[in-house]
C-alpha atoms as a PDB file:
ATOM      1  CA  MET A   1     185.831 132.698 110.478  1.00  0.00           C
ATOM      2  CA  ASN A   2     189.703 131.753 110.431  1.00  0.00           C
ATOM      3  CA  GLU A   3     191.817 129.330 107.806  1.00  0.00           C
ATOM      4  CA  GLN A   4     191.782 126.532 109.690  1.00  0.00           C
ATOM      5  CA  ARG A   5     187.758 126.336 110.373  1.00  0.00           C
ATOM      6  CA  ARG A   6     187.096 126.880 106.878  1.00  0.00           C
ATOM      7  CA  LEU A   7     189.632 123.987 106.292  1.00  0.00           C
ATOM      8  CA  ALA A   8     187.943 122.138 108.476  1.00  0.00           C
ATOM      9  CA  ARG A   9     184.782 122.204 106.944  1.00  0.00           C
ATOM     10  CA  LEU A  10     186.228 121.141 103.832  1.00  0.00           C
ATOM     11  CA  HIS A  11     186.337 117.463 104.831  1.00  0.00           C
ATOM     12  CA  ASP A  12     182.800 116.703 103.908  1.00  0.00           C
ATOM     13  CA  LEU A  13     182.428 118.753 100.695  1.00  0.00           C
ATOM     14  CA  PRO A  14     182.342 116.905  97.426  1.00  0.00           C
ATOM     15  CA  VAL A  15     183.744 117.684  94.489  1.00  0.00           C
ATOM     16  CA  ASN A  16     181.370 119.708  92.759  1.00  0.00           C
ATOM     17  CA  TYR A  17     181.782 118.093  88.758  1.00  0.00           C
ATOM     18  CA  ASP A  18     180.843 114.947  87.579  1.00  0.00           C
ATOM     19  CA  LEU A  19     184.687 113.111  87.213  1.00  0.00           C
ATOM     20  CA  ASP A  20     184.197 110.992  84.176  1.00  0.00           C
ATOM     21  CA  GLY A  21     181.317 112.490  82.240  1.00  0.00           C
ATOM     22  CA  PRO A  22     182.096 114.455  78.738  1.00  0.00           C
ATOM     23  CA  HIS A  23     183.284 118.417  79.531  1.00  0.00           C
ATOM     24  CA  PRO A  24     182.700 119.476  75.710  1.00  0.00           C
ATOM     25  CA  THR A  25     183.358 123.114  74.894  1.00  0.00           C
ATOM     26  CA  GLU A  26     179.690 124.223  74.085  1.00  0.00           C
ATOM     27  CA  ASP A  27     178.902 123.380  77.715  1.00  0.00           C
ATOM     28  CA  GLY A  28     181.217 126.267  78.736  1.00  0.00           C
ATOM     29  CA  TRP A  29     184.033 123.711  79.512  1.00  0.00           C
ATOM     30  CA  ARG A  30     187.555 125.290  78.805  1.00  0.00           C
ATOM     31  CA  VAL A  31     191.033 123.502  78.540  1.00  0.00           C
ATOM     32  CA  ASP A  32     194.240 125.109  79.156  1.00  0.00           C
ATOM     33  CA  ASP A  33     197.746 124.015  78.808  1.00  0.00           C
ATOM     34  CA  TYR A  34     201.105 125.295  79.989  1.00  0.00           C
ATOM     35  CA  CYS A  35     204.584 124.195  79.639  1.00  0.00           C
ATOM     36  CA  GLN A  36     207.555 125.749  81.393  1.00  0.00           C
ATOM     37  CA  PRO A  37     211.203 124.670  80.462  1.00  0.00           C
ATOM     38  CA  LEU A  38     213.406 124.198  83.498  1.00  0.00           C
ATOM     39  CA  PRO A  39     217.167 123.798  83.687  1.00  0.00           C
ATOM     40  CA  ALA A  40     218.167 120.484  82.239  1.00  0.00           C
ATOM     41  CA  GLU A  41     220.234 117.716  83.767  1.00  0.00           C
ATOM     42  CA  ALA A  42     222.142 115.088  82.807  1.00  0.00           C
ATOM     43  CA  PRO A  43     220.160 112.030  80.955  1.00  0.00           C
ATOM     44  CA  GLY A  44     218.843 109.399  83.158  1.00  0.00           C
ATOM     45  CA  GLU A  45     216.977 109.073  86.515  1.00  0.00           C
ATOM     46  CA  PRO A  46     217.053 112.347  87.987  1.00  0.00           C
ATOM     47  CA  VAL A  47     219.811 113.324  89.688  1.00  0.00           C
ATOM     48  CA  GLU A  48     219.749 114.089  93.810  1.00  0.00           C
ATOM     49  CA  GLY A  49     219.963 118.133  93.972  1.00  0.00           C
ATOM     50  CA  GLY A  50     219.334 118.651  90.376  1.00  0.00           C
ATOM     51  CA  PRO A  51     216.083 120.550  88.727  1.00  0.00           C
ATOM     52  CA  PHE A  52     213.765 118.050  88.648  1.00  0.00           C
ATOM     53  CA  LEU A  53     214.021 116.965  92.211  1.00  0.00           C
ATOM     54  CA  LEU A  54     213.773 120.678  93.225  1.00  0.00           C
ATOM     55  CA  ALA A  55     211.109 121.290  91.236  1.00  0.00           C
ATOM     56  CA  ARG A  56     209.012 118.224  92.679  1.00  0.00           C
ATOM     57  CA  ALA A  57     209.716 119.187  96.360  1.00  0.00           C
ATOM     58  CA  LEU A  58     208.431 123.301  95.232  1.00  0.00           C
ATOM     59  CA  LEU A  59     205.391 121.609  93.864  1.00  0.00           C
ATOM     60  CA  ARG A  60     204.904 119.219  96.499  1.00  0.00           C
ATOM     61  CA  ASP A  61     204.140 122.189  98.984  1.00  0.00           C
ATOM     62  CA  TYR A  62     202.411 124.039  96.060  1.00  0.00           C
ATOM     63  CA  LYS A  63     204.822 127.011  96.478  1.00  0.00           C
ATOM     64  CA  VAL A  64     203.758 127.835  92.764  1.00  0.00           C
ATOM     65  CA  ALA A  65     201.364 129.530  93.780  1.00  0.00           C
ATOM     66  CA  ASP A  66     202.077 133.451  93.227  1.00  0.00           C
ATOM     67  CA  PRO A  67     200.385 135.009  97.034  1.00  0.00           C
ATOM     68  CA  ARG A  68     199.235 138.108  95.843  1.00  0.00           C
ATOM     69  CA  LEU A  69     196.918 136.198  93.447  1.00  0.00           C
ATOM     70  CA  VAL A  70     196.226 132.700  95.760  1.00  0.00           C
ATOM     71  CA  ARG A  71     197.192 132.178  99.403  1.00  0.00           C
ATOM     72  CA  VAL A  72     196.839 128.535 100.195  1.00  0.00           C
ATOM     73  CA  THR A  73     195.969 126.557 103.623  1.00  0.00           C
ATOM     74  CA  TYR A  74     196.391 123.109 104.275  1.00  0.00           C
ATOM     75  CA  ASP A  75     197.464 120.628 106.907  1.00  0.00           C
ATOM     76  CA  PRO A  76     201.176 119.924 106.029  1.00  0.00           C
ATOM     77  CA  ALA A  77     201.219 116.747 108.580  1.00  0.00           C
ATOM     78  CA  ALA A  78     198.366 115.164 106.072  1.00  0.00           C
ATOM     79  CA  PRO A  79     199.339 112.954 103.226  1.00  0.00           C
ATOM     80  CA  LEU A  80     199.578 114.838  99.549  1.00  0.00           C
ATOM     81  CA  GLU A  81     197.017 112.121  97.982  1.00  0.00           C
ATOM     82  CA  HIS A  82     193.079 113.234  99.223  1.00  0.00           C
ATOM     83  CA  ARG A  83     194.727 116.512 100.649  1.00  0.00           C
ATOM     84  CA  ASP A  84     191.856 119.216 101.493  1.00  0.00           C
ATOM     85  CA  MET A  85     193.576 122.654 100.369  1.00  0.00           C
ATOM     86  CA  LEU A  86     191.815 126.246 101.124  1.00  0.00           C
ATOM     87  CA  LEU A  87     192.308 128.519  98.542  1.00  0.00           C
ATOM     88  CA  GLU A  88     191.777 132.369  98.893  1.00  0.00           C
ATOM     89  CA  LEU A  89     191.467 134.050  95.624  1.00  0.00           C
ATOM     90  CA  ARG A  90     192.916 137.200  95.496  1.00  0.00           C
ATOM     91  CA  PHE A  91     190.852 139.842  93.599  1.00  0.00           C
ATOM     92  CA  HIS A  92     193.470 142.836  92.864  1.00  0.00           C
ATOM     93  CA  ARG A  93     193.737 143.262  96.655  1.00  0.00           C
ATOM     94  CA  LEU A  94     190.538 144.684  97.017  1.00  0.00           C
ATOM     95  CA  PHE A  95     188.885 141.402  98.576  1.00  0.00           C
ATOM     96  CA  GLY A  96     189.594 137.589  98.812  1.00  0.00           C
ATOM     97  CA  LEU A  97     187.301 134.625  98.288  1.00  0.00           C
ATOM     98  CA  TYR A  98     187.387 131.171 100.289  1.00  0.00           C
ATOM     99  CA  VAL A  99     187.227 128.438  98.078  1.00  0.00           C
ATOM    100  CA  GLY A 100     188.094 124.722  98.425  1.00  0.00           C
ATOM    101  CA  CYS A 101     189.762 121.775  96.105  1.00  0.00           C
ATOM    102  CA  ARG A 102     190.809 118.283  97.181  1.00  0.00           C
ATOM    103  CA  VAL A 103     194.207 116.712  95.729  1.00  0.00           C
ATOM    104  CA  GLY A 104     193.522 113.421  93.445  1.00  0.00           C
ATOM    105  CA  THR A 105     196.355 110.482  93.074  1.00  0.00           C
ATOM    106  CA  VAL A 106     199.740 111.456  92.963  1.00  0.00           C
ATOM    107  CA  THR A 107     201.655 110.167  89.601  1.00  0.00           C
ATOM    108  CA  ASP A 108     204.990 109.034  89.633  1.00  0.00           C
ATOM    109  CA  GLU A 109     206.143 106.993  86.912  1.00  0.00           C
ATOM    110  CA  VAL A 110     208.248 106.544  83.774  1.00  0.00           C
ATOM    111  CA  ARG A 111     206.058 106.849  80.457  1.00  0.00           C
ATOM    112  CA  THR A 112     206.836 106.702  77.020  1.00  0.00           C
ATOM    113  CA  GLN A 113     205.879 109.533  75.005  1.00  0.00           C
ATOM    114  CA  ASP A 114     206.410 109.734  71.222  1.00  0.00           C
ATOM    115  CA  GLY A 115     208.627 107.264  71.414  1.00  0.00           C
ATOM    116  CA  ARG A 116     210.287 108.567  74.275  1.00  0.00           C
ATOM    117  CA  PRO A 117     210.556 107.762  77.990  1.00  0.00           C
ATOM    118  CA  VAL A 118     210.199 110.666  80.577  1.00  0.00           C
ATOM    119  CA  ARG A 119     209.302 110.834  84.063  1.00  0.00           C
ATOM    120  CA  ILE A 120     206.718 112.112  85.665  1.00  0.00           C
ATOM    121  CA  TRP A 121     205.892 113.608  88.982  1.00  0.00           C
ATOM    122  CA  GLY A 122     202.654 115.318  89.944  1.00  0.00           C
ATOM    123  CA  TRP A 123     198.696 115.538  90.919  1.00  0.00           C
ATOM    124  CA  PRO A 124     195.686 117.000  90.054  1.00  0.00           C
ATOM    125  CA  TYR A 125     193.086 118.862  92.231  1.00  0.00           C
ATOM    126  CA  MET A 126     189.476 118.930  92.022  1.00  0.00           C
ATOM    127  CA  THR A 127     187.339 122.063  92.856  1.00  0.00           C
ATOM    128  CA  LEU A 128     184.707 121.198  95.439  1.00  0.00           C
ATOM    129  CA  GLU A 129     180.781 122.269  96.399  1.00  0.00           C
ATOM    130  CA  GLY A 130     180.733 126.049  96.529  1.00  0.00           C
ATOM    131  CA  HIS A 131     183.730 126.740  94.263  1.00  0.00           C
ATOM    132  CA  ILE A 132     183.337 129.702  91.674  1.00  0.00           C
ATOM    133  CA  GLU A 133     184.269 127.304  89.496  1.00  0.00           C
ATOM    134  CA  GLN A 134     184.223 123.418  88.509  1.00  0.00           C
ATOM    135  CA  GLY A 135     187.137 121.332  86.757  1.00  0.00           C
ATOM    136  CA  ARG A 136     190.310 120.214  87.437  1.00  0.00           C
ATOM    137  CA  MET A 137     193.950 121.325  87.689  1.00  0.00           C
ATOM    138  CA  ASP A 138     196.711 118.833  86.644  1.00  0.00           C
ATOM    139  CA  TRP A 139     200.319 120.226  87.947  1.00  0.00           C
ATOM    140  CA  GLU A 140     203.401 118.068  86.752  1.00  0.00           C
ATOM    141  CA  VAL A 141     207.597 117.947  86.734  1.00  0.00           C
ATOM    142  CA  LEU A 142     208.769 116.009  83.981  1.00  0.00           C
ATOM    143  CA  LYS A 143     212.444 114.668  82.795  1.00  0.00           C
ATOM    144  CA  TRP A 144     212.872 113.103  79.699  1.00  0.00           C
ATOM    145  CA  LEU A 145     215.788 110.607  80.258  1.00  0.00           C
ATOM    146  CA  ASP A 146     217.221 110.282  77.132  1.00  0.00           C
ATOM    147  CA  THR A 147     218.472 114.124  76.861  1.00  0.00           C
ATOM    148  CA  GLY A 148     217.852 115.543  80.408  1.00  0.00           C
ATOM    149  CA  GLU A 149     215.163 118.221  79.794  1.00  0.00           C
ATOM    150  CA  VAL A 150     212.976 119.241  82.574  1.00  0.00           C
ATOM    151  CA  GLN A 151     209.714 120.908  82.226  1.00  0.00           C
ATOM    152  CA  PHE A 152     206.856 122.090  84.344  1.00  0.00           C
ATOM    153  CA  ARG A 153     203.397 121.678  83.084  1.00  0.00           C
ATOM    154  CA  ILE A 154     199.901 122.502  83.834  1.00  0.00           C
ATOM    155  CA  HIS A 155     196.634 121.013  82.211  1.00  0.00           C
ATOM    156  CA  SER A 156     193.573 122.925  83.445  1.00  0.00           C
ATOM    157  CA  LEU A 157     189.855 121.805  82.664  1.00  0.00           C
ATOM    158  CA  SER A 158     187.691 124.506  84.157  1.00  0.00           C
ATOM    159  CA  ARG A 159     183.906 126.160  83.834  1.00  0.00           C
ATOM    160  CA  ASN A 160     181.864 128.504  85.737  1.00  0.00           C
ATOM    161  CA  SER A 161     180.222 126.850  88.221  1.00  0.00           C
ATOM    162  CA  GLY A 162     176.507 129.490  88.348  1.00  0.00           C
ATOM    163  CA  THR A 163     177.216 130.323  91.503  1.00  0.00           C
ATOM    164  CA  ARG A 164     173.778 131.888  92.891  1.00  0.00           C
ATOM    165  CA  ASN A 165     176.126 135.445  94.084  1.00  0.00           C
ATOM    166  CA  LEU A 166     175.300 137.193  91.495  1.00  0.00           C
ATOM    167  CA  LEU A 167     178.517 139.785  91.967  1.00  0.00           C
ATOM    168  CA  VAL A 168     181.094 136.883  92.285  1.00  0.00           C
ATOM    169  CA  ASN A 169     179.458 135.468  89.141  1.00  0.00           C
ATOM    170  CA  LEU A 170     179.355 138.506  87.214  1.00  0.00           C
ATOM    171  CA  GLY A 171     182.958 139.204  87.965  1.00  0.00           C
ATOM    172  CA  PHE A 172     183.624 135.914  87.064  1.00  0.00           C
ATOM    173  CA  ARG A 173     182.465 136.483  83.548  1.00  0.00           C
ATOM    174  CA  LEU A 174     184.123 139.674  83.213  1.00  0.00           C
ATOM    175  CA  PHE A 175     187.215 138.998  84.495  1.00  0.00           C
ATOM    176  CA  GLY A 176     187.610 134.768  85.228  1.00  0.00           C
ATOM    177  CA  GLN A 177     189.463 133.886  81.940  1.00  0.00           C
ATOM    178  CA  ARG A 178     191.795 136.757  82.508  1.00  0.00           C
ATOM    179  CA  GLU A 179     192.830 135.979  85.887  1.00  0.00           C
ATOM    180  CA  ARG A 180     193.313 132.370  85.469  1.00  0.00           C
ATOM    181  CA  GLU A 181     195.587 133.209  82.633  1.00  0.00           C
ATOM    182  CA  ARG A 182     197.240 135.407  84.667  1.00  0.00           C
ATOM    183  CA  TYR A 183     197.822 133.174  87.550  1.00  0.00           C
ATOM    184  CA  LEU A 184     198.672 129.983  85.303  1.00  0.00           C
ATOM    185  CA  ALA A 185     201.377 131.670  83.388  1.00  0.00           C
ATOM    186  CA  GLY A 186     202.555 133.433  87.261  1.00  0.00           C
ATOM    187  CA  ALA A 187     202.927 129.880  88.069  1.00  0.00           C
ATOM    188  CA  CYS A 188     204.744 128.956  85.467  1.00  0.00           C
ATOM    189  CA  ARG A 189     207.534 131.846  85.959  1.00  0.00           C
ATOM    190  CA  ARG A 190     207.134 131.438  89.607  1.00  0.00           C
ATOM    191  CA  MET A 191     208.622 127.641  89.339  1.00  0.00           C
ATOM    192  CA  ALA A 192     211.105 128.821  86.888  1.00  0.00           C
ATOM    193  CA  GLY A 193     212.811 131.567  89.128  1.00  0.00           C
ATOM    194  CA  LEU A 194     212.180 129.487  92.194  1.00  0.00           C
ATOM    195  CA  THR A 195     214.023 126.045  90.837  1.00  0.00           C
ATOM    196  CA  ALA A 196     216.930 128.313  89.987  1.00  0.00           C
ATOM    197  CA  LYS A 197     216.966 129.896  93.370  1.00  0.00           C
ATOM    198  CA  ALA A 198     216.902 126.409  95.022  1.00  0.00           C
ATOM    199  CA  LEU A 199     219.838 125.573  92.431  1.00  0.00           C
ATOM    200  CA  ARG A 200     222.202 128.032  94.170  1.00  0.00           C
ATOM    201  CA  GLY A 201     220.840 127.072  97.446  1.00  0.00           C
ATOM    202  CA  GLU A 202     218.551 130.362  97.871  1.00  0.00           C
ATOM    203  CA  HIS A 203     215.233 128.259  98.342  1.00  0.00           C
ATOM    204  CA  PRO A 204     214.728 125.631 101.438  1.00  0.00           C
ATOM    205  CA  ALA A 205     213.775 123.000  98.531  1.00  0.00           C
ATOM    206  CA  ALA A 206     217.400 122.913  98.262  1.00  0.00           C
ATOM    207  CA  GLN A 207     217.819 121.462 101.954  1.00  0.00           C
ATOM    208  CA  GLY A 208     217.074 117.470 100.509  1.00  0.00           C
ATOM    209  CA  ARG A 209     213.427 117.613 101.506  1.00  0.00           C
END
């Protein structure tokens, strides 16, 4: 089955966990948080061609995923909010496992955190039925308006979905957290590298998208 057919089949799949329920660690839930500094810009609202808007363009198109670890298929004509995404999880080039996610509500606002104004743009995706995990991953680009600092942040809530595939379940238990850390840390490095390239005009994100 090709990727487009697999993507189409995600449309009718539900999210595979209780979005509003408690997610205690004793039930296997794990929280991971990452924060990657990006090049700063002048204080105030984001500037055209600056690192915040360039990183936003990269995140909107999910360019943060290292294709050696995760390959993504989605309909680029579909709105970002509630978009279905087909992910192919790559395991050391040995095989790929297809899983589905759905984008949630897009955030685009100014908040006050620790008494400081911060512009935040980002979105989460939630795992769908058939995924080897349950949970969500929040991706955000932030600009602290008082100083001009720009950051990329990831917040992950996850646990094993308990798939009936014994081989996949065993592999997840043995390597799942290590692979997740490798993926998330790699996403931070990739965002920093691509933002720097875009600032130099060496990436399509620099073309004013």
